[in-house]
N, C-alpha and C. Protein backbone atom coordinates (compact mmCIF):
# COMPACT_ATOMS: atom_id res chain seq x y z
N UNK A 1 -18.55 -19.35 -7.46
CA UNK A 1 -19.28 -18.39 -6.67
C UNK A 1 -18.34 -17.26 -6.25
N UNK A 2 -18.81 -16.03 -6.36
CA UNK A 2 -18.02 -14.87 -5.99
C UNK A 2 -18.36 -14.44 -4.56
N UNK A 3 -17.31 -14.06 -3.85
CA UNK A 3 -17.46 -13.61 -2.47
C UNK A 3 -16.76 -12.26 -2.34
N UNK A 4 -17.45 -11.29 -1.77
CA UNK A 4 -16.87 -9.96 -1.59
C UNK A 4 -16.62 -9.71 -0.11
N UNK A 5 -15.43 -9.23 0.20
CA UNK A 5 -15.08 -8.85 1.57
C UNK A 5 -14.71 -7.37 1.57
N UNK A 6 -15.10 -6.69 2.64
CA UNK A 6 -14.73 -5.29 2.84
C UNK A 6 -13.83 -5.25 4.07
N UNK A 7 -12.65 -4.72 3.88
CA UNK A 7 -11.67 -4.71 4.96
C UNK A 7 -10.77 -3.49 4.77
N UNK A 8 -10.37 -2.88 5.89
CA UNK A 8 -9.51 -1.69 5.84
C UNK A 8 -8.09 -2.07 6.25
N UNK A 9 -7.14 -1.64 5.44
CA UNK A 9 -5.72 -1.76 5.77
C UNK A 9 -5.09 -0.39 5.57
N UNK A 10 -4.23 -0.01 6.47
CA UNK A 10 -3.49 1.24 6.32
C UNK A 10 -2.34 1.02 5.35
N UNK A 11 -1.91 2.06 4.69
CA UNK A 11 -0.83 1.96 3.70
C UNK A 11 0.39 1.28 4.31
N UNK A 12 0.72 1.61 5.53
CA UNK A 12 1.93 1.06 6.16
C UNK A 12 1.75 -0.39 6.59
N UNK A 13 0.54 -0.91 6.48
CA UNK A 13 0.28 -2.32 6.79
C UNK A 13 0.07 -3.15 5.53
N UNK A 14 0.70 -2.73 4.43
CA UNK A 14 0.51 -3.45 3.17
C UNK A 14 0.96 -4.91 3.30
N UNK A 15 1.96 -5.17 4.16
CA UNK A 15 2.42 -6.55 4.34
C UNK A 15 1.36 -7.38 5.06
N UNK A 16 0.60 -6.78 5.97
CA UNK A 16 -0.51 -7.49 6.63
C UNK A 16 -1.64 -7.76 5.64
N UNK A 17 -1.87 -6.80 4.76
CA UNK A 17 -2.89 -6.98 3.72
C UNK A 17 -2.48 -8.14 2.82
N UNK A 18 -1.23 -8.18 2.44
CA UNK A 18 -0.71 -9.25 1.59
C UNK A 18 -0.84 -10.60 2.29
N UNK A 19 -0.51 -10.64 3.59
CA UNK A 19 -0.62 -11.88 4.36
C UNK A 19 -2.08 -12.34 4.43
N UNK A 20 -3.02 -11.40 4.64
CA UNK A 20 -4.44 -11.75 4.69
C UNK A 20 -4.91 -12.31 3.35
N UNK A 21 -4.49 -11.68 2.25
CA UNK A 21 -4.88 -12.16 0.92
C UNK A 21 -4.33 -13.57 0.67
N UNK A 22 -3.12 -13.84 1.13
CA UNK A 22 -2.55 -15.18 0.97
C UNK A 22 -3.25 -16.19 1.88
N UNK A 23 -3.69 -15.73 3.04
CA UNK A 23 -4.47 -16.60 3.93
C UNK A 23 -5.81 -16.97 3.27
N UNK A 24 -6.43 -15.99 2.62
CA UNK A 24 -7.68 -16.26 1.90
C UNK A 24 -7.43 -17.28 0.78
N UNK A 25 -6.29 -17.15 0.10
CA UNK A 25 -5.93 -18.10 -0.95
C UNK A 25 -5.77 -19.51 -0.36
N UNK A 26 -5.18 -19.58 0.83
CA UNK A 26 -4.99 -20.89 1.45
C UNK A 26 -6.33 -21.54 1.82
N UNK A 27 -7.37 -20.71 1.95
CA UNK A 27 -8.72 -21.22 2.25
C UNK A 27 -9.51 -21.53 0.99
N UNK A 28 -8.88 -21.34 -0.17
CA UNK A 28 -9.54 -21.66 -1.43
C UNK A 28 -10.30 -20.49 -2.03
N UNK A 29 -9.89 -19.28 -1.70
CA UNK A 29 -10.51 -18.09 -2.27
C UNK A 29 -9.45 -17.32 -3.06
N UNK A 30 -9.62 -17.28 -4.37
CA UNK A 30 -8.67 -16.61 -5.26
C UNK A 30 -9.12 -15.17 -5.49
N UNK A 31 -8.22 -14.23 -5.26
CA UNK A 31 -8.51 -12.82 -5.49
C UNK A 31 -8.72 -12.58 -6.98
N UNK A 32 -9.84 -11.92 -7.34
CA UNK A 32 -10.09 -11.64 -8.76
C UNK A 32 -10.31 -10.16 -9.04
N UNK A 33 -10.55 -9.36 -7.99
CA UNK A 33 -10.78 -7.93 -8.20
C UNK A 33 -10.58 -7.17 -6.90
N UNK A 34 -10.17 -5.90 -7.01
CA UNK A 34 -9.96 -5.05 -5.84
C UNK A 34 -10.57 -3.68 -6.08
N UNK A 35 -10.89 -3.02 -4.99
CA UNK A 35 -11.39 -1.65 -5.02
C UNK A 35 -11.10 -1.02 -3.67
N UNK A 36 -11.70 0.12 -3.38
CA UNK A 36 -11.48 0.79 -2.11
C UNK A 36 -12.03 -0.07 -0.99
N UNK A 37 -11.16 -0.66 -0.20
CA UNK A 37 -11.52 -1.53 0.93
C UNK A 37 -12.40 -2.69 0.50
N UNK A 38 -12.34 -3.08 -0.77
CA UNK A 38 -13.18 -4.14 -1.31
C UNK A 38 -12.32 -5.18 -2.02
N UNK A 39 -12.56 -6.43 -1.68
CA UNK A 39 -11.83 -7.55 -2.27
C UNK A 39 -12.85 -8.57 -2.76
N UNK A 40 -12.73 -8.94 -4.01
CA UNK A 40 -13.65 -9.93 -4.59
C UNK A 40 -12.85 -11.21 -4.84
N UNK A 41 -13.41 -12.31 -4.37
CA UNK A 41 -12.76 -13.61 -4.49
C UNK A 41 -13.65 -14.57 -5.25
N UNK A 42 -13.01 -15.59 -5.81
CA UNK A 42 -13.72 -16.69 -6.45
C UNK A 42 -13.19 -17.97 -5.83
N UNK A 43 -14.05 -18.96 -5.74
CA UNK A 43 -13.61 -20.24 -5.21
C UNK A 43 -12.57 -20.85 -6.12
N UNK A 44 -11.53 -21.42 -5.51
CA UNK A 44 -10.43 -22.04 -6.25
C UNK A 44 -9.86 -23.16 -5.38
N UNK A 45 -8.85 -23.80 -5.88
CA UNK A 45 -8.16 -24.80 -5.08
C UNK A 45 -7.43 -24.10 -3.94
N UNK A 46 -7.44 -24.65 -2.74
CA UNK A 46 -6.68 -24.03 -1.65
C UNK A 46 -5.20 -23.90 -2.03
N UNK A 47 -4.63 -22.77 -1.70
CA UNK A 47 -3.21 -22.47 -1.97
C UNK A 47 -2.87 -22.48 -3.46
N UNK A 48 -3.82 -22.19 -4.31
CA UNK A 48 -3.54 -22.19 -5.75
C UNK A 48 -2.67 -20.99 -6.15
N UNK A 49 -2.87 -19.85 -5.46
CA UNK A 49 -2.17 -18.63 -5.85
C UNK A 49 -1.39 -18.03 -4.68
N UNK A 50 -0.32 -17.33 -5.05
CA UNK A 50 0.39 -16.44 -4.14
C UNK A 50 0.06 -15.03 -4.56
N UNK A 51 -0.12 -14.16 -3.59
CA UNK A 51 -0.52 -12.77 -3.87
C UNK A 51 0.60 -11.83 -3.41
N UNK A 52 0.85 -10.79 -4.20
CA UNK A 52 1.82 -9.74 -3.85
C UNK A 52 1.22 -8.39 -4.20
N UNK A 53 1.64 -7.37 -3.45
CA UNK A 53 1.20 -5.99 -3.67
C UNK A 53 2.41 -5.13 -3.96
N UNK A 54 2.17 -4.09 -4.74
CA UNK A 54 3.24 -3.13 -5.02
C UNK A 54 2.64 -1.76 -5.27
N UNK A 55 3.29 -0.74 -4.71
CA UNK A 55 2.94 0.64 -5.03
C UNK A 55 3.75 1.00 -6.26
N UNK A 56 3.06 1.20 -7.38
CA UNK A 56 3.74 1.49 -8.64
C UNK A 56 4.29 2.92 -8.64
N UNK A 57 5.27 3.16 -9.51
CA UNK A 57 5.82 4.50 -9.66
C UNK A 57 4.78 5.48 -10.20
N UNK A 58 3.93 4.99 -11.08
CA UNK A 58 2.90 5.80 -11.73
C UNK A 58 1.57 5.06 -11.62
N UNK A 59 0.49 5.72 -11.98
CA UNK A 59 -0.81 5.04 -12.01
C UNK A 59 -0.74 3.91 -13.04
N UNK A 60 -1.54 2.86 -12.87
CA UNK A 60 -1.47 1.70 -13.78
C UNK A 60 -1.70 2.02 -15.25
N UNK A 61 -2.44 3.08 -15.56
CA UNK A 61 -2.69 3.41 -16.96
C UNK A 61 -1.52 4.15 -17.61
N UNK A 62 -0.55 4.58 -16.84
CA UNK A 62 0.61 5.29 -17.37
C UNK A 62 1.44 4.34 -18.23
N UNK A 63 2.07 4.87 -19.27
CA UNK A 63 2.84 4.06 -20.22
C UNK A 63 3.93 3.26 -19.51
N UNK A 64 4.62 3.87 -18.57
CA UNK A 64 5.70 3.18 -17.83
C UNK A 64 5.13 2.00 -17.03
N UNK A 65 3.99 2.21 -16.38
CA UNK A 65 3.36 1.14 -15.61
C UNK A 65 2.85 0.04 -16.53
N UNK A 66 2.27 0.40 -17.68
CA UNK A 66 1.78 -0.59 -18.63
C UNK A 66 2.92 -1.49 -19.11
N UNK A 67 4.07 -0.90 -19.37
CA UNK A 67 5.23 -1.67 -19.80
C UNK A 67 5.66 -2.65 -18.70
N UNK A 68 5.66 -2.18 -17.46
CA UNK A 68 6.03 -3.03 -16.32
C UNK A 68 5.02 -4.17 -16.14
N UNK A 69 3.73 -3.86 -16.25
CA UNK A 69 2.70 -4.88 -16.10
C UNK A 69 2.81 -5.94 -17.20
N UNK A 70 3.09 -5.53 -18.44
CA UNK A 70 3.29 -6.50 -19.53
C UNK A 70 4.49 -7.39 -19.25
N UNK A 71 5.57 -6.79 -18.74
CA UNK A 71 6.76 -7.57 -18.39
C UNK A 71 6.41 -8.64 -17.36
N UNK A 72 5.68 -8.26 -16.32
CA UNK A 72 5.31 -9.23 -15.29
C UNK A 72 4.43 -10.34 -15.86
N UNK A 73 3.50 -9.98 -16.74
CA UNK A 73 2.63 -10.98 -17.34
C UNK A 73 3.42 -11.98 -18.18
N UNK A 74 4.49 -11.51 -18.81
CA UNK A 74 5.35 -12.40 -19.59
C UNK A 74 6.07 -13.41 -18.70
N UNK A 75 6.24 -13.08 -17.43
CA UNK A 75 6.91 -13.99 -16.50
C UNK A 75 5.92 -14.87 -15.74
N UNK A 76 4.63 -14.79 -16.11
CA UNK A 76 3.63 -15.65 -15.48
C UNK A 76 2.91 -15.01 -14.31
N UNK A 77 3.11 -13.72 -14.10
CA UNK A 77 2.44 -13.00 -13.02
C UNK A 77 1.19 -12.34 -13.59
N UNK A 78 0.08 -12.51 -12.90
CA UNK A 78 -1.19 -11.95 -13.34
C UNK A 78 -1.51 -10.69 -12.54
N UNK A 79 -1.81 -9.61 -13.24
CA UNK A 79 -2.24 -8.37 -12.60
C UNK A 79 -3.73 -8.49 -12.32
N UNK A 80 -4.09 -8.66 -11.05
CA UNK A 80 -5.49 -8.86 -10.67
C UNK A 80 -6.26 -7.57 -10.77
N UNK A 81 -5.65 -6.48 -10.35
CA UNK A 81 -6.32 -5.19 -10.37
C UNK A 81 -5.50 -4.16 -9.63
N UNK A 82 -6.02 -2.95 -9.60
CA UNK A 82 -5.31 -1.85 -8.95
C UNK A 82 -6.31 -0.95 -8.25
N UNK A 83 -5.81 -0.29 -7.24
CA UNK A 83 -6.56 0.79 -6.61
C UNK A 83 -5.57 1.95 -6.48
N UNK A 84 -5.86 3.03 -7.19
CA UNK A 84 -4.94 4.16 -7.31
C UNK A 84 -3.62 3.62 -7.85
N UNK A 85 -2.52 3.78 -7.12
CA UNK A 85 -1.23 3.27 -7.60
C UNK A 85 -0.89 1.89 -7.04
N UNK A 86 -1.73 1.36 -6.15
CA UNK A 86 -1.48 0.03 -5.59
C UNK A 86 -1.90 -1.02 -6.59
N UNK A 87 -0.98 -1.91 -6.92
CA UNK A 87 -1.27 -3.00 -7.86
C UNK A 87 -1.26 -4.33 -7.10
N UNK A 88 -2.19 -5.19 -7.46
CA UNK A 88 -2.34 -6.50 -6.83
C UNK A 88 -2.00 -7.55 -7.88
N UNK A 89 -1.10 -8.45 -7.50
CA UNK A 89 -0.64 -9.48 -8.43
C UNK A 89 -0.85 -10.85 -7.81
N UNK A 90 -1.04 -11.82 -8.69
CA UNK A 90 -1.10 -13.20 -8.23
C UNK A 90 -0.35 -14.08 -9.22
N UNK A 91 0.13 -15.19 -8.70
CA UNK A 91 0.82 -16.17 -9.53
C UNK A 91 0.48 -17.54 -8.98
N UNK A 92 0.27 -18.48 -9.90
CA UNK A 92 0.03 -19.85 -9.45
C UNK A 92 1.24 -20.33 -8.67
N UNK A 93 0.96 -21.01 -7.56
CA UNK A 93 2.05 -21.48 -6.70
C UNK A 93 2.85 -22.58 -7.41
N UNK A 94 4.14 -22.46 -7.26
CA UNK A 94 5.08 -23.47 -7.77
C UNK A 94 6.05 -23.79 -6.64
N UNK A 95 7.08 -24.52 -6.96
CA UNK A 95 8.09 -24.82 -5.95
C UNK A 95 8.91 -23.58 -5.58
N UNK A 96 8.95 -22.61 -6.48
CA UNK A 96 9.68 -21.37 -6.22
C UNK A 96 8.75 -20.33 -5.62
N UNK A 97 9.27 -19.58 -4.66
CA UNK A 97 8.49 -18.52 -4.02
C UNK A 97 8.26 -17.37 -5.01
N UNK A 98 7.13 -16.73 -4.88
CA UNK A 98 6.77 -15.60 -5.74
C UNK A 98 7.15 -14.29 -5.03
N UNK A 99 8.09 -13.57 -5.61
CA UNK A 99 8.53 -12.28 -5.07
C UNK A 99 8.55 -11.25 -6.20
N UNK A 100 8.10 -10.05 -5.90
CA UNK A 100 8.19 -8.96 -6.88
C UNK A 100 9.55 -8.27 -6.78
N UNK A 101 10.17 -8.35 -5.63
CA UNK A 101 11.44 -7.66 -5.40
C UNK A 101 12.54 -8.70 -5.25
N UNK A 102 13.56 -8.58 -6.08
CA UNK A 102 14.60 -9.59 -6.12
C UNK A 102 15.68 -9.40 -5.06
N UNK A 103 15.80 -8.20 -4.53
CA UNK A 103 16.85 -7.93 -3.55
C UNK A 103 16.43 -6.79 -2.62
N UNK A 104 17.29 -6.52 -1.63
CA UNK A 104 16.96 -5.47 -0.67
C UNK A 104 16.92 -4.09 -1.29
N UNK A 105 17.71 -3.85 -2.31
CA UNK A 105 17.69 -2.54 -2.98
C UNK A 105 16.32 -2.26 -3.60
N UNK A 106 15.74 -3.27 -4.23
CA UNK A 106 14.41 -3.06 -4.83
C UNK A 106 13.34 -2.94 -3.75
N UNK A 107 13.51 -3.66 -2.63
CA UNK A 107 12.57 -3.51 -1.52
C UNK A 107 12.66 -2.11 -0.92
N UNK A 108 13.88 -1.60 -0.80
CA UNK A 108 14.09 -0.25 -0.27
C UNK A 108 13.48 0.78 -1.23
N UNK A 109 13.63 0.59 -2.53
CA UNK A 109 13.04 1.50 -3.51
C UNK A 109 11.51 1.51 -3.37
N UNK A 110 10.92 0.34 -3.12
CA UNK A 110 9.47 0.26 -2.92
C UNK A 110 9.08 1.02 -1.65
N UNK A 111 9.82 0.82 -0.58
CA UNK A 111 9.52 1.52 0.67
C UNK A 111 9.69 3.03 0.49
N UNK A 112 10.65 3.44 -0.32
CA UNK A 112 10.82 4.88 -0.59
C UNK A 112 9.60 5.47 -1.29
N UNK A 113 8.99 4.69 -2.19
CA UNK A 113 7.77 5.17 -2.85
C UNK A 113 6.64 5.35 -1.82
N UNK A 114 6.54 4.40 -0.91
CA UNK A 114 5.52 4.49 0.13
C UNK A 114 5.82 5.68 1.05
N UNK A 115 7.09 5.86 1.41
CA UNK A 115 7.46 6.98 2.28
C UNK A 115 7.15 8.32 1.63
N UNK A 116 7.39 8.43 0.34
CA UNK A 116 7.08 9.67 -0.38
C UNK A 116 5.58 9.96 -0.32
N UNK A 117 4.77 8.94 -0.57
CA UNK A 117 3.32 9.09 -0.52
C UNK A 117 2.86 9.51 0.88
N UNK A 118 3.31 8.79 1.90
CA UNK A 118 2.91 9.10 3.27
C UNK A 118 3.42 10.47 3.70
N UNK A 119 4.65 10.80 3.32
CA UNK A 119 5.23 12.09 3.69
C UNK A 119 4.42 13.24 3.12
N UNK A 120 4.02 13.11 1.87
CA UNK A 120 3.21 14.17 1.24
C UNK A 120 1.89 14.36 1.99
N UNK A 121 1.22 13.26 2.32
CA UNK A 121 -0.05 13.37 3.02
C UNK A 121 0.12 13.89 4.44
N UNK A 122 1.16 13.45 5.14
CA UNK A 122 1.39 13.93 6.51
C UNK A 122 1.65 15.43 6.52
N UNK A 123 2.50 15.92 5.63
CA UNK A 123 2.79 17.35 5.57
C UNK A 123 1.53 18.13 5.20
N UNK A 124 0.77 17.63 4.26
CA UNK A 124 -0.46 18.30 3.84
C UNK A 124 -1.46 18.39 5.00
N UNK A 125 -1.65 17.30 5.70
CA UNK A 125 -2.59 17.29 6.84
C UNK A 125 -2.11 18.23 7.94
N UNK A 126 -0.84 18.21 8.25
CA UNK A 126 -0.32 19.09 9.29
C UNK A 126 -0.41 20.56 8.87
N UNK A 127 -0.20 20.83 7.58
CA UNK A 127 -0.36 22.20 7.08
C UNK A 127 -1.80 22.68 7.30
N UNK A 128 -2.78 21.84 6.93
CA UNK A 128 -4.18 22.22 7.11
C UNK A 128 -4.51 22.40 8.59
N UNK A 129 -3.92 21.56 9.44
CA UNK A 129 -4.16 21.69 10.88
C UNK A 129 -3.68 23.04 11.39
N UNK A 130 -2.45 23.38 11.06
CA UNK A 130 -1.89 24.66 11.50
C UNK A 130 -2.68 25.82 10.92
N UNK A 131 -3.02 25.74 9.66
CA UNK A 131 -3.79 26.80 9.00
C UNK A 131 -5.14 27.01 9.70
N UNK A 132 -5.86 25.92 9.98
CA UNK A 132 -7.15 26.04 10.65
C UNK A 132 -7.01 26.58 12.06
N UNK A 133 -5.97 26.16 12.77
CA UNK A 133 -5.79 26.65 14.13
C UNK A 133 -5.41 28.13 14.15
N UNK A 134 -4.62 28.59 13.18
CA UNK A 134 -4.32 30.02 13.09
C UNK A 134 -5.59 30.81 12.80
N UNK A 135 -6.45 30.27 11.93
CA UNK A 135 -7.71 30.95 11.66
C UNK A 135 -8.59 31.00 12.91
N UNK A 136 -8.57 29.91 13.69
CA UNK A 136 -9.39 29.87 14.90
C UNK A 136 -8.93 30.93 15.91
N UNK A 137 -7.64 31.07 16.07
CA UNK A 137 -7.13 32.03 17.04
C UNK A 137 -7.00 33.43 16.46
N UNK A 138 -7.34 33.58 15.19
CA UNK A 138 -7.29 34.89 14.53
C UNK A 138 -8.67 35.53 14.50
N UNK A 139 -8.87 36.38 13.52
CA UNK A 139 -10.12 37.14 13.41
C UNK A 139 -11.29 36.27 12.93
N UNK A 140 -11.01 35.14 12.25
CA UNK A 140 -12.08 34.30 11.69
C UNK A 140 -12.37 33.09 12.58
N UNK A 141 -12.44 33.30 13.88
CA UNK A 141 -12.62 32.20 14.82
C UNK A 141 -13.99 31.54 14.66
N UNK A 142 -13.99 30.26 14.29
CA UNK A 142 -15.22 29.47 14.24
C UNK A 142 -14.93 28.09 14.81
N UNK A 143 -15.99 27.44 15.23
CA UNK A 143 -15.84 26.08 15.75
C UNK A 143 -15.31 25.16 14.65
N UNK A 144 -15.69 25.47 13.40
CA UNK A 144 -15.22 24.67 12.27
C UNK A 144 -13.69 24.73 12.19
N UNK A 145 -13.11 25.91 12.40
CA UNK A 145 -11.65 26.05 12.35
C UNK A 145 -10.99 25.22 13.44
N UNK A 146 -11.56 25.27 14.64
CA UNK A 146 -10.97 24.51 15.74
C UNK A 146 -11.10 23.01 15.51
N UNK A 147 -12.33 22.55 15.19
CA UNK A 147 -12.53 21.11 14.99
C UNK A 147 -11.79 20.61 13.75
N UNK A 148 -11.79 21.41 12.68
CA UNK A 148 -11.05 21.02 11.48
C UNK A 148 -9.56 20.95 11.75
N UNK A 149 -9.05 21.91 12.49
CA UNK A 149 -7.63 21.92 12.83
C UNK A 149 -7.25 20.73 13.68
N UNK A 150 -8.09 20.42 14.65
CA UNK A 150 -7.78 19.28 15.52
C UNK A 150 -7.87 17.96 14.75
N UNK A 151 -8.90 17.83 13.93
CA UNK A 151 -9.08 16.59 13.15
C UNK A 151 -7.92 16.37 12.17
N UNK A 152 -7.58 17.41 11.41
CA UNK A 152 -6.48 17.24 10.46
C UNK A 152 -5.14 17.08 11.17
N UNK A 153 -5.01 17.68 12.34
CA UNK A 153 -3.78 17.48 13.13
C UNK A 153 -3.63 16.05 13.59
N UNK A 154 -4.71 15.48 14.10
CA UNK A 154 -4.69 14.08 14.55
C UNK A 154 -4.41 13.16 13.36
N UNK A 155 -5.07 13.44 12.24
CA UNK A 155 -4.84 12.63 11.04
C UNK A 155 -3.39 12.74 10.56
N UNK A 156 -2.84 13.95 10.60
CA UNK A 156 -1.44 14.16 10.22
C UNK A 156 -0.48 13.39 11.11
N UNK A 157 -0.74 13.40 12.41
CA UNK A 157 0.11 12.65 13.35
C UNK A 157 -0.04 11.15 13.10
N UNK A 158 -1.25 10.70 12.83
CA UNK A 158 -1.49 9.29 12.55
C UNK A 158 -0.72 8.84 11.31
N UNK A 159 -0.77 9.65 10.26
CA UNK A 159 -0.03 9.33 9.03
C UNK A 159 1.47 9.38 9.29
N UNK A 160 1.92 10.33 10.10
CA UNK A 160 3.34 10.41 10.45
C UNK A 160 3.78 9.15 11.19
N UNK A 161 2.89 8.60 12.02
CA UNK A 161 3.17 7.33 12.70
C UNK A 161 3.41 6.22 11.67
N UNK A 162 2.56 6.16 10.65
CA UNK A 162 2.75 5.17 9.59
C UNK A 162 4.04 5.39 8.84
N UNK A 163 4.38 6.66 8.61
CA UNK A 163 5.65 7.00 7.95
C UNK A 163 6.81 6.42 8.75
N UNK A 164 6.77 6.60 10.07
CA UNK A 164 7.85 6.09 10.92
C UNK A 164 7.93 4.56 10.89
N UNK A 165 6.79 3.90 10.82
CA UNK A 165 6.80 2.43 10.75
C UNK A 165 7.46 1.95 9.46
N UNK A 166 7.14 2.59 8.34
CA UNK A 166 7.76 2.21 7.06
C UNK A 166 9.25 2.56 7.10
N UNK A 167 9.58 3.70 7.69
CA UNK A 167 10.99 4.12 7.79
C UNK A 167 11.80 3.10 8.60
N UNK A 168 11.20 2.54 9.65
CA UNK A 168 11.89 1.52 10.45
C UNK A 168 12.16 0.27 9.60
N UNK A 169 11.19 -0.13 8.79
CA UNK A 169 11.39 -1.28 7.90
C UNK A 169 12.53 -1.00 6.93
N UNK A 170 12.55 0.22 6.40
CA UNK A 170 13.61 0.61 5.46
C UNK A 170 14.98 0.57 6.14
N UNK A 171 15.07 1.11 7.34
CA UNK A 171 16.36 1.11 8.06
C UNK A 171 16.85 -0.31 8.32
N UNK A 172 15.94 -1.20 8.67
CA UNK A 172 16.32 -2.60 8.90
C UNK A 172 16.88 -3.22 7.63
N UNK A 173 16.24 -2.94 6.48
CA UNK A 173 16.76 -3.45 5.21
C UNK A 173 18.11 -2.83 4.86
N UNK A 174 18.27 -1.56 5.16
CA UNK A 174 19.55 -0.89 4.88
C UNK A 174 20.67 -1.48 5.73
N UNK A 175 20.38 -1.77 6.99
CA UNK A 175 21.39 -2.40 7.87
C UNK A 175 21.75 -3.78 7.35
N UNK A 176 20.75 -4.54 6.94
CA UNK A 176 20.98 -5.86 6.37
C UNK A 176 21.83 -5.77 5.10
N UNK A 177 21.55 -4.77 4.30
CA UNK A 177 22.29 -4.55 3.06
C UNK A 177 23.75 -4.24 3.36
N UNK A 178 24.00 -3.44 4.39
CA UNK A 178 25.37 -3.09 4.77
C UNK A 178 26.15 -4.29 5.27
N UNK A 179 25.48 -5.24 5.90
CA UNK A 179 26.15 -6.44 6.37
C UNK A 179 26.74 -7.27 5.25
N UNK A 180 26.07 -7.25 4.11
CA UNK A 180 26.50 -8.07 2.99
C UNK A 180 27.37 -7.35 1.98
N UNK A 181 27.67 -6.07 2.23
CA UNK A 181 28.53 -5.33 1.31
C UNK A 181 29.96 -5.38 1.75
């Protein structure tokens, strides 16, 4: 039997999303498909799979991503699906833990990809906010300019908050890395 759940996770909460998906696996629901805020599960043995997420360098259909996905499949990792550049993987549980990143350097590289994505959106939203507010206080003053400027400004600040959360995770990994060098 298939079960569909709709749930929202922010980009900077990808680890919470991963934890929720693993919790669903522990309840006997195996992830089989993903979409925008949509997760499709099938009944399975409890704790049959471990789930991991990764923001790929390119979209999944890109040649570089396809090569990476084939490599993972050769190691026993199943690509469940993707949404934009986010890829969802599962692997049958064994005695060894399932990790996509072998060390802190690869974890930091993953966080850098997320930071780049969030940074682009934060700058874009703040640009639109400033642009709309200048239009509002200029000759083309409309309520749309004011409300659009305020909305995109709030959204830009919200995304910047997520950027800072990911940046804190990155700094913690960098400090840990320095301890072992």
